[in-house]
Amino acid sequence: MTAHEILQHIRPETAGEIFLHLYEKDRPAYRATIQLLASRRKLRSVIIDRKTRPERYAWLQAELARKSNEDASTEILQTWLLGAHQDLVCAFLDSLAIAHNGHGLLEELPPQPPEEKLKEAIDGLLAKYPVDAVAIYLNLFSEMDIADWPSLKKLINQDPRLCLAPQTVIA
């Protein structure tokens, strides 16, 4: 799933956690996001600022869920993951022996590890971290330009804990 698709499918409570984290920990990015999204809708950001926090967060989620705002959606999710869930990101990379800068950023992604090792890494994350954060991270990771890991996409699609899209039940 791309970043805007993730924001289409996450629970409003999870989106609220993302925006609250951004507001509390990276106010310049929060303000810039509101200004960017408001200008794209030909609104003044003060209109958004006057909304209650739940209304503002609902508006942000709706706007970031639009395909045309993929760039902003990706930035917001990455900022949240590397800020609020840096330990999750590092744990995933460490479990796969992928070198990173100690903060979850990497220069180069190695070829896909064996599927069993990926499954073990995913199970380890799900045992230790919030399911929503793990699902968002793995879905976003699998869509990175440098990530050509079909086994990861397969595991995400097979595991209902990681699948953010509503499931179709066939009777």
C-alpha atoms as a PDB file:
ATOM      1  CA  MET A   1       0.000   0.000   0.000  1.00  0.00           C
ATOM      2  CA  THR A   2       1.152   3.485  -0.757  1.00  0.00           C
ATOM      3  CA  ALA A   3       1.161   6.130   1.957  1.00  0.00           C
ATOM      4  CA  HIS A   4      -2.107   7.731   0.879  1.00  0.00           C
ATOM      5  CA  GLU A   5      -3.775   4.304   0.751  1.00  0.00           C
ATOM      6  CA  ILE A   6      -2.534   3.562   4.260  1.00  0.00           C
ATOM      7  CA  LEU A   7      -4.151   6.789   5.458  1.00  0.00           C
ATOM      8  CA  GLN A   8      -7.394   5.774   3.736  1.00  0.00           C
ATOM      9  CA  HIS A   9      -7.565   2.572   5.764  1.00  0.00           C
ATOM     10  CA  ILE A  10      -6.168   3.289   9.223  1.00  0.00           C
ATOM     11  CA  ARG A  11      -8.466   3.905  12.134  1.00  0.00           C
ATOM     12  CA  PRO A  12      -9.151   7.569  13.000  1.00  0.00           C
ATOM     13  CA  GLU A  13      -7.619   6.921  16.439  1.00  0.00           C
ATOM     14  CA  THR A  14      -4.353   5.836  14.833  1.00  0.00           C
ATOM     15  CA  ALA A  15      -4.392   8.855  12.543  1.00  0.00           C
ATOM     16  CA  GLY A  16      -4.982  11.020  15.601  1.00  0.00           C
ATOM     17  CA  GLU A  17      -1.913   9.489  17.278  1.00  0.00           C
ATOM     18  CA  ILE A  18       0.145  10.286  14.197  1.00  0.00           C
ATOM     19  CA  PHE A  19      -0.989  13.912  14.047  1.00  0.00           C
ATOM     20  CA  LEU A  20      -0.667  14.412  17.802  1.00  0.00           C
ATOM     21  CA  HIS A  21       2.893  13.110  17.688  1.00  0.00           C
ATOM     22  CA  LEU A  22       3.687  15.486  14.849  1.00  0.00           C
ATOM     23  CA  TYR A  23       2.059  18.396  16.695  1.00  0.00           C
ATOM     24  CA  GLU A  24       3.943  17.707  19.925  1.00  0.00           C
ATOM     25  CA  LYS A  25       7.337  16.636  18.566  1.00  0.00           C
ATOM     26  CA  ASP A  26       7.736  18.391  15.210  1.00  0.00           C
ATOM     27  CA  ARG A  27       5.559  21.478  15.195  1.00  0.00           C
ATOM     28  CA  PRO A  28       7.254  23.030  12.094  1.00  0.00           C
ATOM     29  CA  ALA A  29       6.435  19.904  10.057  1.00  0.00           C
ATOM     30  CA  TYR A  30       2.876  19.900  11.430  1.00  0.00           C
ATOM     31  CA  ARG A  31       2.373  23.567  10.464  1.00  0.00           C
ATOM     32  CA  ALA A  32       3.970  23.046   7.048  1.00  0.00           C
ATOM     33  CA  THR A  33       1.674  20.096   6.359  1.00  0.00           C
ATOM     34  CA  ILE A  34      -1.442  22.079   7.219  1.00  0.00           C
ATOM     35  CA  GLN A  35      -0.259  25.014   5.101  1.00  0.00           C
ATOM     36  CA  LEU A  36       0.581  22.758   2.156  1.00  0.00           C
ATOM     37  CA  LEU A  37      -2.703  20.863   2.243  1.00  0.00           C
ATOM     38  CA  ALA A  38      -4.754  24.021   2.775  1.00  0.00           C
ATOM     39  CA  SER A  39      -3.052  25.779  -0.143  1.00  0.00           C
ATOM     40  CA  ARG A  40      -3.682  22.776  -2.397  1.00  0.00           C
ATOM     41  CA  ARG A  41      -7.386  23.109  -1.548  1.00  0.00           C
ATOM     42  CA  LYS A  42      -7.183  26.899  -2.013  1.00  0.00           C
ATOM     43  CA  LEU A  43      -7.897  27.493   1.670  1.00  0.00           C
ATOM     44  CA  ARG A  44      -6.162  29.663   4.196  1.00  0.00           C
ATOM     45  CA  SER A  45      -4.554  27.603   6.935  1.00  0.00           C
ATOM     46  CA  VAL A  46      -6.333  29.701   9.579  1.00  0.00           C
ATOM     47  CA  ILE A  47      -9.582  28.003   8.500  1.00  0.00           C
ATOM     48  CA  ILE A  48      -8.080  24.652   9.445  1.00  0.00           C
ATOM     49  CA  ASP A  49      -6.586  26.047  12.666  1.00  0.00           C
ATOM     50  CA  ARG A  50     -10.059  27.117  13.835  1.00  0.00           C
ATOM     51  CA  LYS A  51     -11.346  23.565  13.730  1.00  0.00           C
ATOM     52  CA  THR A  52     -11.381  21.525  16.918  1.00  0.00           C
ATOM     53  CA  ARG A  53      -8.517  19.070  17.212  1.00  0.00           C
ATOM     54  CA  PRO A  54     -10.693  16.035  16.271  1.00  0.00           C
ATOM     55  CA  GLU A  55     -12.107  17.942  13.271  1.00  0.00           C
ATOM     56  CA  ARG A  56      -8.621  19.046  12.227  1.00  0.00           C
ATOM     57  CA  TYR A  57      -7.275  15.507  12.486  1.00  0.00           C
ATOM     58  CA  ALA A  58     -10.198  14.136  10.466  1.00  0.00           C
ATOM     59  CA  TRP A  59      -9.561  16.798   7.820  1.00  0.00           C
ATOM     60  CA  LEU A  60      -5.834  15.987   7.761  1.00  0.00           C
ATOM     61  CA  GLN A  61      -6.519  12.285   7.369  1.00  0.00           C
ATOM     62  CA  ALA A  62      -9.022  12.881   4.564  1.00  0.00           C
ATOM     63  CA  GLU A  63      -6.626  15.183   2.727  1.00  0.00           C
ATOM     64  CA  LEU A  64      -3.595  12.960   3.167  1.00  0.00           C
ATOM     65  CA  ALA A  65      -5.648   9.995   1.925  1.00  0.00           C
ATOM     66  CA  ARG A  66      -5.947  11.668  -1.480  1.00  0.00           C
ATOM     67  CA  LYS A  67      -3.639  10.315  -4.189  1.00  0.00           C
ATOM     68  CA  SER A  68      -2.588  13.849  -5.115  1.00  0.00           C
ATOM     69  CA  ASN A  69      -1.093  14.236  -1.628  1.00  0.00           C
ATOM     70  CA  GLU A  70       1.075  11.107  -1.751  1.00  0.00           C
ATOM     71  CA  ASP A  71       4.223  13.160  -1.192  1.00  0.00           C
ATOM     72  CA  ALA A  72       2.905  14.702   2.023  1.00  0.00           C
ATOM     73  CA  SER A  73       1.438  11.370   3.188  1.00  0.00           C
ATOM     74  CA  THR A  74       4.776   9.626   2.794  1.00  0.00           C
ATOM     75  CA  GLU A  75       6.583  12.399   4.657  1.00  0.00           C
ATOM     76  CA  ILE A  76       4.101  12.353   7.546  1.00  0.00           C
ATOM     77  CA  LEU A  77       4.211   8.569   7.978  1.00  0.00           C
ATOM     78  CA  GLN A  78       8.005   8.463   7.768  1.00  0.00           C
ATOM     79  CA  THR A  79       8.326  11.291  10.299  1.00  0.00           C
ATOM     80  CA  TRP A  80       5.958   9.502  12.684  1.00  0.00           C
ATOM     81  CA  LEU A  81       7.640   6.119  12.300  1.00  0.00           C
ATOM     82  CA  LEU A  82      11.167   7.465  12.745  1.00  0.00           C
ATOM     83  CA  GLY A  83      10.042   9.637  15.647  1.00  0.00           C
ATOM     84  CA  ALA A  84       7.465   7.693  17.643  1.00  0.00           C
ATOM     85  CA  HIS A  85       8.484   4.185  16.546  1.00  0.00           C
ATOM     86  CA  GLN A  86      12.184   4.385  15.804  1.00  0.00           C
ATOM     87  CA  ASP A  87      12.781   1.347  18.021  1.00  0.00           C
ATOM     88  CA  LEU A  88      10.369  -0.692  15.869  1.00  0.00           C
ATOM     89  CA  VAL A  89      12.158   0.363  12.660  1.00  0.00           C
ATOM     90  CA  CYS A  90      15.577  -0.439  14.119  1.00  0.00           C
ATOM     91  CA  ALA A  91      14.356  -3.778  15.518  1.00  0.00           C
ATOM     92  CA  PHE A  92      13.133  -4.842  12.075  1.00  0.00           C
ATOM     93  CA  LEU A  93      16.381  -3.872  10.369  1.00  0.00           C
ATOM     94  CA  ASP A  94      18.491  -5.440  13.128  1.00  0.00           C
ATOM     95  CA  SER A  95      16.529  -8.702  13.018  1.00  0.00           C
ATOM     96  CA  LEU A  96      17.391  -8.953   9.327  1.00  0.00           C
ATOM     97  CA  ALA A  97      21.020  -7.861   9.873  1.00  0.00           C
ATOM     98  CA  ILE A  98      20.528  -4.769   7.683  1.00  0.00           C
ATOM     99  CA  ALA A  99      23.070  -2.040   8.375  1.00  0.00           C
ATOM    100  CA  HIS A 100      21.592   1.342   9.302  1.00  0.00           C
ATOM    101  CA  ASN A 101      22.694   4.552  10.997  1.00  0.00           C
ATOM    102  CA  GLY A 102      21.288   3.589  14.410  1.00  0.00           C
ATOM    103  CA  HIS A 103      18.178   5.681  13.814  1.00  0.00           C
ATOM    104  CA  GLY A 104      16.527   3.465  11.204  1.00  0.00           C
ATOM    105  CA  LEU A 105      17.913   5.175   8.118  1.00  0.00           C
ATOM    106  CA  LEU A 106      19.842   3.169   5.578  1.00  0.00           C
ATOM    107  CA  GLU A 107      21.990   3.932   2.591  1.00  0.00           C
ATOM    108  CA  GLU A 108      21.296   0.796   0.621  1.00  0.00           C
ATOM    109  CA  LEU A 109      18.815  -2.022   0.959  1.00  0.00           C
ATOM    110  CA  PRO A 110      20.209  -5.532   0.450  1.00  0.00           C
ATOM    111  CA  PRO A 111      18.433  -8.124  -1.648  1.00  0.00           C
ATOM    112  CA  GLN A 112      15.369  -9.736  -0.136  1.00  0.00           C
ATOM    113  CA  PRO A 113      16.159 -12.043   2.775  1.00  0.00           C
ATOM    114  CA  PRO A 114      14.716 -15.569   2.858  1.00  0.00           C
ATOM    115  CA  GLU A 115      10.954 -15.638   3.436  1.00  0.00           C
ATOM    116  CA  GLU A 116      11.278 -17.584   6.691  1.00  0.00           C
ATOM    117  CA  LYS A 117      13.643 -14.961   8.111  1.00  0.00           C
ATOM    118  CA  LEU A 118      11.182 -12.221   7.102  1.00  0.00           C
ATOM    119  CA  LYS A 119       8.354 -14.100   8.795  1.00  0.00           C
ATOM    120  CA  GLU A 120      10.398 -14.439  11.998  1.00  0.00           C
ATOM    121  CA  ALA A 121      11.203 -10.708  11.930  1.00  0.00           C
ATOM    122  CA  ILE A 122       7.533  -9.812  11.428  1.00  0.00           C
ATOM    123  CA  ASP A 123       6.378 -12.127  14.208  1.00  0.00           C
ATOM    124  CA  GLY A 124       8.972 -10.574  16.514  1.00  0.00           C
ATOM    125  CA  LEU A 125       7.675  -7.077  15.762  1.00  0.00           C
ATOM    126  CA  LEU A 126       4.049  -8.084  16.264  1.00  0.00           C
ATOM    127  CA  ALA A 127       4.895  -9.636  19.638  1.00  0.00           C
ATOM    128  CA  LYS A 128       6.552  -6.459  20.901  1.00  0.00           C
ATOM    129  CA  TYR A 129       5.006  -3.413  19.167  1.00  0.00           C
ATOM    130  CA  PRO A 130       1.507  -2.050  18.451  1.00  0.00           C
ATOM    131  CA  VAL A 131      -0.073  -3.891  15.544  1.00  0.00           C
ATOM    132  CA  ASP A 132      -1.137  -0.661  13.799  1.00  0.00           C
ATOM    133  CA  ALA A 133       2.412   0.715  13.865  1.00  0.00           C
ATOM    134  CA  VAL A 134       3.872  -2.568  12.577  1.00  0.00           C
ATOM    135  CA  ALA A 135       1.286  -2.781   9.780  1.00  0.00           C
ATOM    136  CA  ILE A 136       1.864   0.813   8.726  1.00  0.00           C
ATOM    137  CA  TYR A 137       5.640   0.416   8.791  1.00  0.00           C
ATOM    138  CA  LEU A 138       5.743  -2.835   6.826  1.00  0.00           C
ATOM    139  CA  ASN A 139       3.226  -1.619   4.237  1.00  0.00           C
ATOM    140  CA  LEU A 140       5.181   1.609   3.767  1.00  0.00           C
ATOM    141  CA  PHE A 141       8.515  -0.248   3.708  1.00  0.00           C
ATOM    142  CA  SER A 142       7.299  -2.655   1.043  1.00  0.00           C
ATOM    143  CA  GLU A 143       6.368   0.261  -1.225  1.00  0.00           C
ATOM    144  CA  MET A 144       9.747   2.008  -1.043  1.00  0.00           C
ATOM    145  CA  ASP A 145      11.357   2.520  -4.429  1.00  0.00           C
ATOM    146  CA  ILE A 146      14.410   0.572  -3.335  1.00  0.00           C
ATOM    147  CA  ALA A 147      12.487  -2.342  -1.809  1.00  0.00           C
ATOM    148  CA  ASP A 148      12.055  -5.162  -4.286  1.00  0.00           C
ATOM    149  CA  TRP A 149      10.930  -7.754  -1.792  1.00  0.00           C
ATOM    150  CA  PRO A 150       7.971  -9.707  -3.219  1.00  0.00           C
ATOM    151  CA  SER A 151       8.014 -12.114  -0.263  1.00  0.00           C
ATOM    152  CA  LEU A 152       7.366  -9.223   2.133  1.00  0.00           C
ATOM    153  CA  LYS A 153       4.362  -8.108   0.091  1.00  0.00           C
ATOM    154  CA  LYS A 154       3.105 -11.692   0.038  1.00  0.00           C
ATOM    155  CA  LEU A 155       3.458 -12.028   3.830  1.00  0.00           C
ATOM    156  CA  ILE A 156       1.691  -8.699   4.383  1.00  0.00           C
ATOM    157  CA  ASN A 157      -1.201  -9.775   2.172  1.00  0.00           C
ATOM    158  CA  GLN A 158      -1.486 -13.171   3.857  1.00  0.00           C
ATOM    159  CA  ASP A 159      -1.400 -11.937   7.455  1.00  0.00           C
ATOM    160  CA  PRO A 160      -4.702 -10.334   8.510  1.00  0.00           C
ATOM    161  CA  ARG A 161      -2.894  -8.419  11.270  1.00  0.00           C
ATOM    162  CA  LEU A 162      -0.893  -6.523   8.636  1.00  0.00           C
ATOM    163  CA  CYS A 163      -3.528  -6.030   5.988  1.00  0.00           C
ATOM    164  CA  LEU A 164      -4.932  -2.510   6.371  1.00  0.00           C
ATOM    165  CA  ALA A 165      -7.433  -2.776   3.516  1.00  0.00           C
ATOM    166  CA  PRO A 166     -10.892  -4.082   4.394  1.00  0.00           C
ATOM    167  CA  GLN A 167     -11.204  -7.773   3.739  1.00  0.00           C
ATOM    168  CA  THR A 168     -13.785  -9.083   1.331  1.00  0.00           C
ATOM    169  CA  VAL A 169     -15.589 -12.096   2.718  1.00  0.00           C
ATOM    170  CA  ILE A 170     -16.683 -14.602   0.103  1.00  0.00           C
ATOM    171  CA  ALA A 171     -19.531 -16.829   1.265  1.00  0.00           C
END
